[in-house]
Structures are given as structure tokens and as C-alpha cells.
C-alpha atoms as a PDB file:
ATOM      1  CA  MET A   1     -40.290 -27.530  33.616  1.00  0.00           C
ATOM      2  CA  SER A   2     -40.190 -25.096  36.472  1.00  0.00           C
ATOM      3  CA  ILE A   3     -39.418 -21.453  36.081  1.00  0.00           C
ATOM      4  CA  ARG A   4     -35.944 -21.819  37.655  1.00  0.00           C
ATOM      5  CA  ARG A   5     -34.995 -24.322  35.129  1.00  0.00           C
ATOM      6  CA  ARG A   6     -36.050 -22.523  32.242  1.00  0.00           C
ATOM      7  CA  LEU A   7     -34.427 -19.191  33.285  1.00  0.00           C
ATOM      8  CA  THR A   8     -31.101 -21.223  33.883  1.00  0.00           C
ATOM      9  CA  LEU A   9     -31.609 -22.821  30.468  1.00  0.00           C
ATOM     10  CA  TRP A  10     -32.105 -19.345  28.813  1.00  0.00           C
ATOM     11  CA  TYR A  11     -29.331 -17.759  30.649  1.00  0.00           C
ATOM     12  CA  THR A  12     -27.005 -20.568  29.641  1.00  0.00           C
ATOM     13  CA  ILE A  13     -27.979 -20.132  25.911  1.00  0.00           C
ATOM     14  CA  ILE A  14     -27.556 -16.438  26.049  1.00  0.00           C
ATOM     15  CA  LEU A  15     -23.958 -16.867  27.647  1.00  0.00           C
ATOM     16  CA  ALA A  16     -22.965 -19.540  25.183  1.00  0.00           C
ATOM     17  CA  ALA A  17     -23.861 -17.391  22.226  1.00  0.00           C
ATOM     18  CA  VAL A  18     -22.344 -14.165  23.514  1.00  0.00           C
ATOM     19  CA  LEU A  19     -19.124 -16.125  24.146  1.00  0.00           C
ATOM     20  CA  ILE A  20     -19.019 -17.760  20.680  1.00  0.00           C
ATOM     21  CA  LEU A  21     -19.918 -14.189  19.202  1.00  0.00           C
ATOM     22  CA  PHE A  22     -16.975 -12.851  21.134  1.00  0.00           C
ATOM     23  CA  GLY A  23     -14.643 -15.635  20.142  1.00  0.00           C
ATOM     24  CA  ALA A  24     -15.431 -15.477  16.414  1.00  0.00           C
ATOM     25  CA  SER A  25     -15.152 -11.562  16.577  1.00  0.00           C
ATOM     26  CA  LEU A  26     -11.688 -11.913  18.096  1.00  0.00           C
ATOM     27  CA  TYR A  27     -10.518 -14.697  15.813  1.00  0.00           C
ATOM     28  CA  TYR A  28     -11.586 -12.538  12.769  1.00  0.00           C
ATOM     29  CA  LEU A  29      -9.822  -9.373  14.172  1.00  0.00           C
ATOM     30  CA  LEU A  30      -6.475 -11.204  15.008  1.00  0.00           C
ATOM     31  CA  THR A  31      -6.431 -12.933  11.591  1.00  0.00           C
ATOM     32  CA  ALA A  32      -7.119  -9.675   9.926  1.00  0.00           C
ATOM     33  CA  THR A  33      -4.356  -7.733  11.827  1.00  0.00           C
ATOM     34  CA  LEU A  34      -1.791 -10.480  11.274  1.00  0.00           C
ATOM     35  CA  LEU A  35      -2.510 -10.502   7.565  1.00  0.00           C
ATOM     36  CA  ASN A  36      -2.208  -7.065   7.285  1.00  0.00           C
ATOM     37  CA  SER A  37       1.156  -7.104   8.976  1.00  0.00           C
ATOM     38  CA  ILE A  38       2.322  -9.811   6.767  1.00  0.00           C
ATOM     39  CA  ASP A  39       0.930  -7.787   3.567  1.00  0.00           C
ATOM     40  CA  ARG A  40       2.938  -4.697   4.656  1.00  0.00           C
ATOM     41  CA  GLN A  41       6.249  -6.738   5.501  1.00  0.00           C
ATOM     42  CA  LEU A  42       6.034  -8.365   1.717  1.00  0.00           C
ATOM     43  CA  GLU A  43       5.126  -4.895   0.054  1.00  0.00           C
ATOM     44  CA  THR A  44       7.997  -3.201   1.912  1.00  0.00           C
ATOM     45  CA  ALA A  45      10.563  -5.859   0.741  1.00  0.00           C
ATOM     46  CA  ALA A  46       9.105  -5.789  -2.927  1.00  0.00           C
ATOM     47  CA  GLN A  47       9.399  -1.895  -2.977  1.00  0.00           C
ATOM     48  CA  GLN A  48      13.056  -1.768  -1.689  1.00  0.00           C
ATOM     49  CA  LEU A  49      14.031  -4.226  -4.224  1.00  0.00           C
ATOM     50  CA  GLU A  50      12.155  -2.309  -6.913  1.00  0.00           C
ATOM     51  CA  GLU A  51      14.091   1.016  -5.831  1.00  0.00           C
ATOM     52  CA  SER A  52      17.362  -0.554  -6.297  1.00  0.00           C
ATOM     53  CA  ALA A  53      16.606  -2.424  -9.479  1.00  0.00           C
ATOM     54  CA  ARG A  54      18.164  -1.022 -12.846  1.00  0.00           C
ATOM     55  CA  MET A  55      18.395  -2.141 -16.660  1.00  0.00           C
ATOM     56  CA  VAL A  56      21.807  -2.958 -17.673  1.00  0.00           C
ATOM     57  CA  PRO A  57      22.929  -4.118 -21.285  1.00  0.00           C
ATOM     58  CA  SER A  58      23.885  -7.691 -21.672  1.00  0.00           C
ATOM     59  CA  LEU A  59      26.505  -8.470 -24.294  1.00  0.00           C
ATOM     60  CA  ALA A  60      25.808 -12.245 -24.286  1.00  0.00           C
ATOM     61  CA  LEU A  61      22.113 -11.530 -25.037  1.00  0.00           C
ATOM     62  CA  LEU A  62      22.539  -8.262 -26.957  1.00  0.00           C
ATOM     63  CA  SER A  63      19.630  -6.973 -25.063  1.00  0.00           C
ATOM     64  CA  MET A  64      18.876  -5.159 -21.518  1.00  0.00           C
ATOM     65  CA  VAL A  65      18.390  -7.145 -18.499  1.00  0.00           C
ATOM     66  CA  VAL A  66      17.253  -6.555 -15.050  1.00  0.00           C
ATOM     67  CA  GLU A  67      19.951  -6.186 -12.553  1.00  0.00           C
ATOM     68  CA  VAL A  68      19.126  -6.405  -8.818  1.00  0.00           C
ATOM     69  CA  PRO A  69      21.321  -6.317  -5.829  1.00  0.00           C
ATOM     70  CA  ASP A  70      22.206  -9.322  -3.840  1.00  0.00           C
ATOM     71  CA  LEU A  71      18.693 -10.547  -2.700  1.00  0.00           C
ATOM     72  CA  ASN A  72      19.967 -11.669   0.538  1.00  0.00           C
ATOM     73  CA  ILE A  73      19.857  -8.152   1.680  1.00  0.00           C
ATOM     74  CA  PHE A  74      16.200  -8.066   1.542  1.00  0.00           C
ATOM     75  CA  ALA A  75      15.332 -11.658   2.633  1.00  0.00           C
ATOM     76  CA  GLU A  76      14.906 -12.045   6.358  1.00  0.00           C
ATOM     77  CA  PRO A  77      14.591 -15.626   7.671  1.00  0.00           C
ATOM     78  CA  GLY A  78      11.182 -16.918   6.448  1.00  0.00           C
ATOM     79  CA  LEU A  79      11.047 -14.400   3.713  1.00  0.00           C
ATOM     80  CA  TYR A  80      11.427 -15.926   0.053  1.00  0.00           C
ATOM     81  CA  ILE A  81      12.258 -13.438  -3.030  1.00  0.00           C
ATOM     82  CA  GLN A  82      12.413 -14.333  -6.782  1.00  0.00           C
ATOM     83  CA  VAL A  83      12.769 -12.048  -9.837  1.00  0.00           C
ATOM     84  CA  TYR A  84      11.483 -12.766 -13.042  1.00  0.00           C
ATOM     85  CA  ASP A  85      12.850 -10.821 -16.000  1.00  0.00           C
ATOM     86  CA  ALA A  86      10.274  -9.913 -18.569  1.00  0.00           C
ATOM     87  CA  GLY A  87      12.734  -9.675 -21.250  1.00  0.00           C
ATOM     88  CA  GLN A  88      14.420 -13.041 -20.847  1.00  0.00           C
ATOM     89  CA  LYS A  89      11.011 -14.428 -19.940  1.00  0.00           C
ATOM     90  CA  GLN A  90      12.301 -16.441 -17.046  1.00  0.00           C
ATOM     91  CA  VAL A  91      13.114 -16.420 -13.368  1.00  0.00           C
ATOM     92  CA  THR A  92      16.746 -14.945 -13.109  1.00  0.00           C
ATOM     93  CA  ARG A  93      17.319 -14.419  -9.334  1.00  0.00           C
ATOM     94  CA  ARG A  94      16.304 -16.288  -6.214  1.00  0.00           C
ATOM     95  CA  SER A  95      17.021 -15.418  -2.489  1.00  0.00           C
ATOM     96  CA  ALA A  96      19.391 -17.895  -0.676  1.00  0.00           C
ATOM     97  CA  THR A  97      16.298 -18.788   1.585  1.00  0.00           C
ATOM     98  CA  LEU A  98      14.794 -20.592  -1.322  1.00  0.00           C
ATOM     99  CA  GLY A  99      17.630 -22.874  -1.785  1.00  0.00           C
ATOM    100  CA  GLU A 100      17.228 -24.630  -4.890  1.00  0.00           C
ATOM    101  CA  ALA A 101      13.500 -24.240  -4.917  1.00  0.00           C
ATOM    102  CA  SER A 102      11.419 -21.801  -6.704  1.00  0.00           C
ATOM    103  CA  LEU A 103       8.263 -19.938  -5.793  1.00  0.00           C
ATOM    104  CA  PRO A 104       5.396 -20.999  -7.969  1.00  0.00           C
ATOM    105  CA  LEU A 105       4.783 -18.332 -10.553  1.00  0.00           C
ATOM    106  CA  ASP A 106       1.011 -18.588 -11.367  1.00  0.00           C
ATOM    107  CA  LYS A 107       0.487 -17.420 -15.248  1.00  0.00           C
ATOM    108  CA  ASN A 108      -2.688 -15.213 -14.098  1.00  0.00           C
ATOM    109  CA  ALA A 109      -0.575 -13.622 -11.479  1.00  0.00           C
ATOM    110  CA  LEU A 110       2.398 -13.007 -14.095  1.00  0.00           C
ATOM    111  CA  ALA A 111      -0.145 -11.465 -16.599  1.00  0.00           C
ATOM    112  CA  VAL A 112      -1.514  -9.229 -14.025  1.00  0.00           C
ATOM    113  CA  ALA A 113       1.853  -8.106 -12.670  1.00  0.00           C
ATOM    114  CA  LEU A 114       3.251  -7.654 -16.494  1.00  0.00           C
ATOM    115  CA  ARG A 115       0.217  -5.241 -16.860  1.00  0.00           C
ATOM    116  CA  GLY A 116       1.538  -3.197 -13.759  1.00  0.00           C
ATOM    117  CA  GLN A 117      -0.688  -4.442 -10.969  1.00  0.00           C
ATOM    118  CA  ALA A 118       0.218  -6.107  -7.883  1.00  0.00           C
ATOM    119  CA  ARG A 119      -1.476  -9.146  -6.473  1.00  0.00           C
ATOM    120  CA  LEU A 120      -1.487 -10.725  -3.060  1.00  0.00           C
ATOM    121  CA  GLU A 121      -2.420 -14.158  -2.439  1.00  0.00           C
ATOM    122  CA  THR A 122      -2.364 -17.242  -0.200  1.00  0.00           C
ATOM    123  CA  ARG A 123      -1.232 -20.668  -1.796  1.00  0.00           C
ATOM    124  CA  SER A 124      -0.844 -24.109  -0.483  1.00  0.00           C
ATOM    125  CA  ILE A 125       2.252 -25.880  -1.357  1.00  0.00           C
ATOM    126  CA  GLY A 126       2.071 -29.450   0.142  1.00  0.00           C
ATOM    127  CA  SER A 127       1.544 -29.116   3.702  1.00  0.00           C
ATOM    128  CA  SER A 128       2.667 -25.350   3.742  1.00  0.00           C
ATOM    129  CA  ARG A 129       0.990 -22.235   3.027  1.00  0.00           C
ATOM    130  CA  LEU A 130       2.583 -19.135   1.453  1.00  0.00           C
ATOM    131  CA  ARG A 131       1.260 -15.663   1.653  1.00  0.00           C
ATOM    132  CA  THR A 132       2.712 -14.274  -1.990  1.00  0.00           C
ATOM    133  CA  TYR A 133       2.935 -10.803  -3.320  1.00  0.00           C
ATOM    134  CA  THR A 134       3.525 -10.571  -6.875  1.00  0.00           C
ATOM    135  CA  ALA A 135       4.351  -6.984  -8.453  1.00  0.00           C
ATOM    136  CA  PRO A 136       5.522  -5.534 -11.314  1.00  0.00           C
ATOM    137  CA  LEU A 137       9.192  -4.448 -11.261  1.00  0.00           C
ATOM    138  CA  LEU A 138       9.125  -0.984 -12.685  1.00  0.00           C
ATOM    139  CA  ILE A 139      12.328   0.644 -13.952  1.00  0.00           C
ATOM    140  CA  ASP A 140      11.791   3.967 -15.385  1.00  0.00           C
ATOM    141  CA  GLY A 141       8.289   3.871 -15.779  1.00  0.00           C
ATOM    142  CA  GLU A 142       8.194   0.440 -17.579  1.00  0.00           C
ATOM    143  CA  VAL A 143       7.554  -2.913 -16.517  1.00  0.00           C
ATOM    144  CA  ALA A 144      10.984  -4.682 -16.682  1.00  0.00           C
ATOM    145  CA  GLY A 145       9.745  -7.926 -14.887  1.00  0.00           C
ATOM    146  CA  VAL A 146       8.117  -9.186 -11.821  1.00  0.00           C
ATOM    147  CA  VAL A 147       9.082  -9.657  -8.130  1.00  0.00           C
ATOM    148  CA  GLN A 148       7.769 -12.122  -6.036  1.00  0.00           C
ATOM    149  CA  VAL A 149       8.059 -12.073  -2.126  1.00  0.00           C
ATOM    150  CA  SER A 150       6.668 -14.832  -0.166  1.00  0.00           C
ATOM    151  CA  THR A 151       6.423 -15.759   3.643  1.00  0.00           C
ATOM    152  CA  SER A 152       5.156 -18.896   5.286  1.00  0.00           C
END
């Protein structure tokens, strides 16, 4: 093989390697930036909901229950919210964006949130992928429930 062909081959290989490295770096950077932006949006919605939540007495249950404002105030199109009441041990509120559906409440994520820690995860549901932020709903320093905010 002539020197001309060998140099052409080497330059082609080096150019291909540089282009692949640049493309992979750009893909990673964009993915990380978009995920961080989505995560901030989910965390902000959960924090706003937590700030407006309070405990109220329930005459029917003879206990305190979590009261949150209308979830549709916080739910933008494509943003899904549900609230789990720790005292009632069930999901008590859902945003209208969910319709009749509910977000999957993983037992591990629920246990972590009830211990006071938030958790971000990506789940596949059918053909959709949901980025979900599960956080404790702290009222007066106590975990009163769990708020889940998701987007697809």
C-alpha cells in the first residue's frame, strides 16, 4: 500500500474517531442538561405544593388528614401530580391531567419518602417513559404524606 493511501486511511480513521467522540459528548451533555431542567421543574412543583399543604381534622375519620389546594393550579400540561396521605394510607388527590389513571407508587419509593427523603427516577409504563419525583409532604416538620410529580 502506498504512503498516500496509508495517510488517507489514517486521516479518515482519526476524523471518524473525533466525530464519534464529539457526537457522544454532545449527546451526553444535552441529555444531562434536559434531565436537570426536568428535575428542577418537578422539584419546584412539589415544593410549591408542600408549602400550601396543611393538616385538618376529619370528622368522618376522627383523625387529621392532609389538605392540599386544587392540584390543577400546579399541574401544567404534561405534568402529573398525586398526593398520598400517610394517615389514610392511600392516594387522596390526583391532578386532572391524570384523568382516571394514577401514577405507580413504588413501595421502595414510598418507604424512602415516608422516611423523609426525596427520590427521582425514570420509569417505563407501556410505551411511555415517566420521570417521577417522589418526595415527603412535610407539615410542621412531620411527614404527613407523599407527593409524586411526574412528566413524560
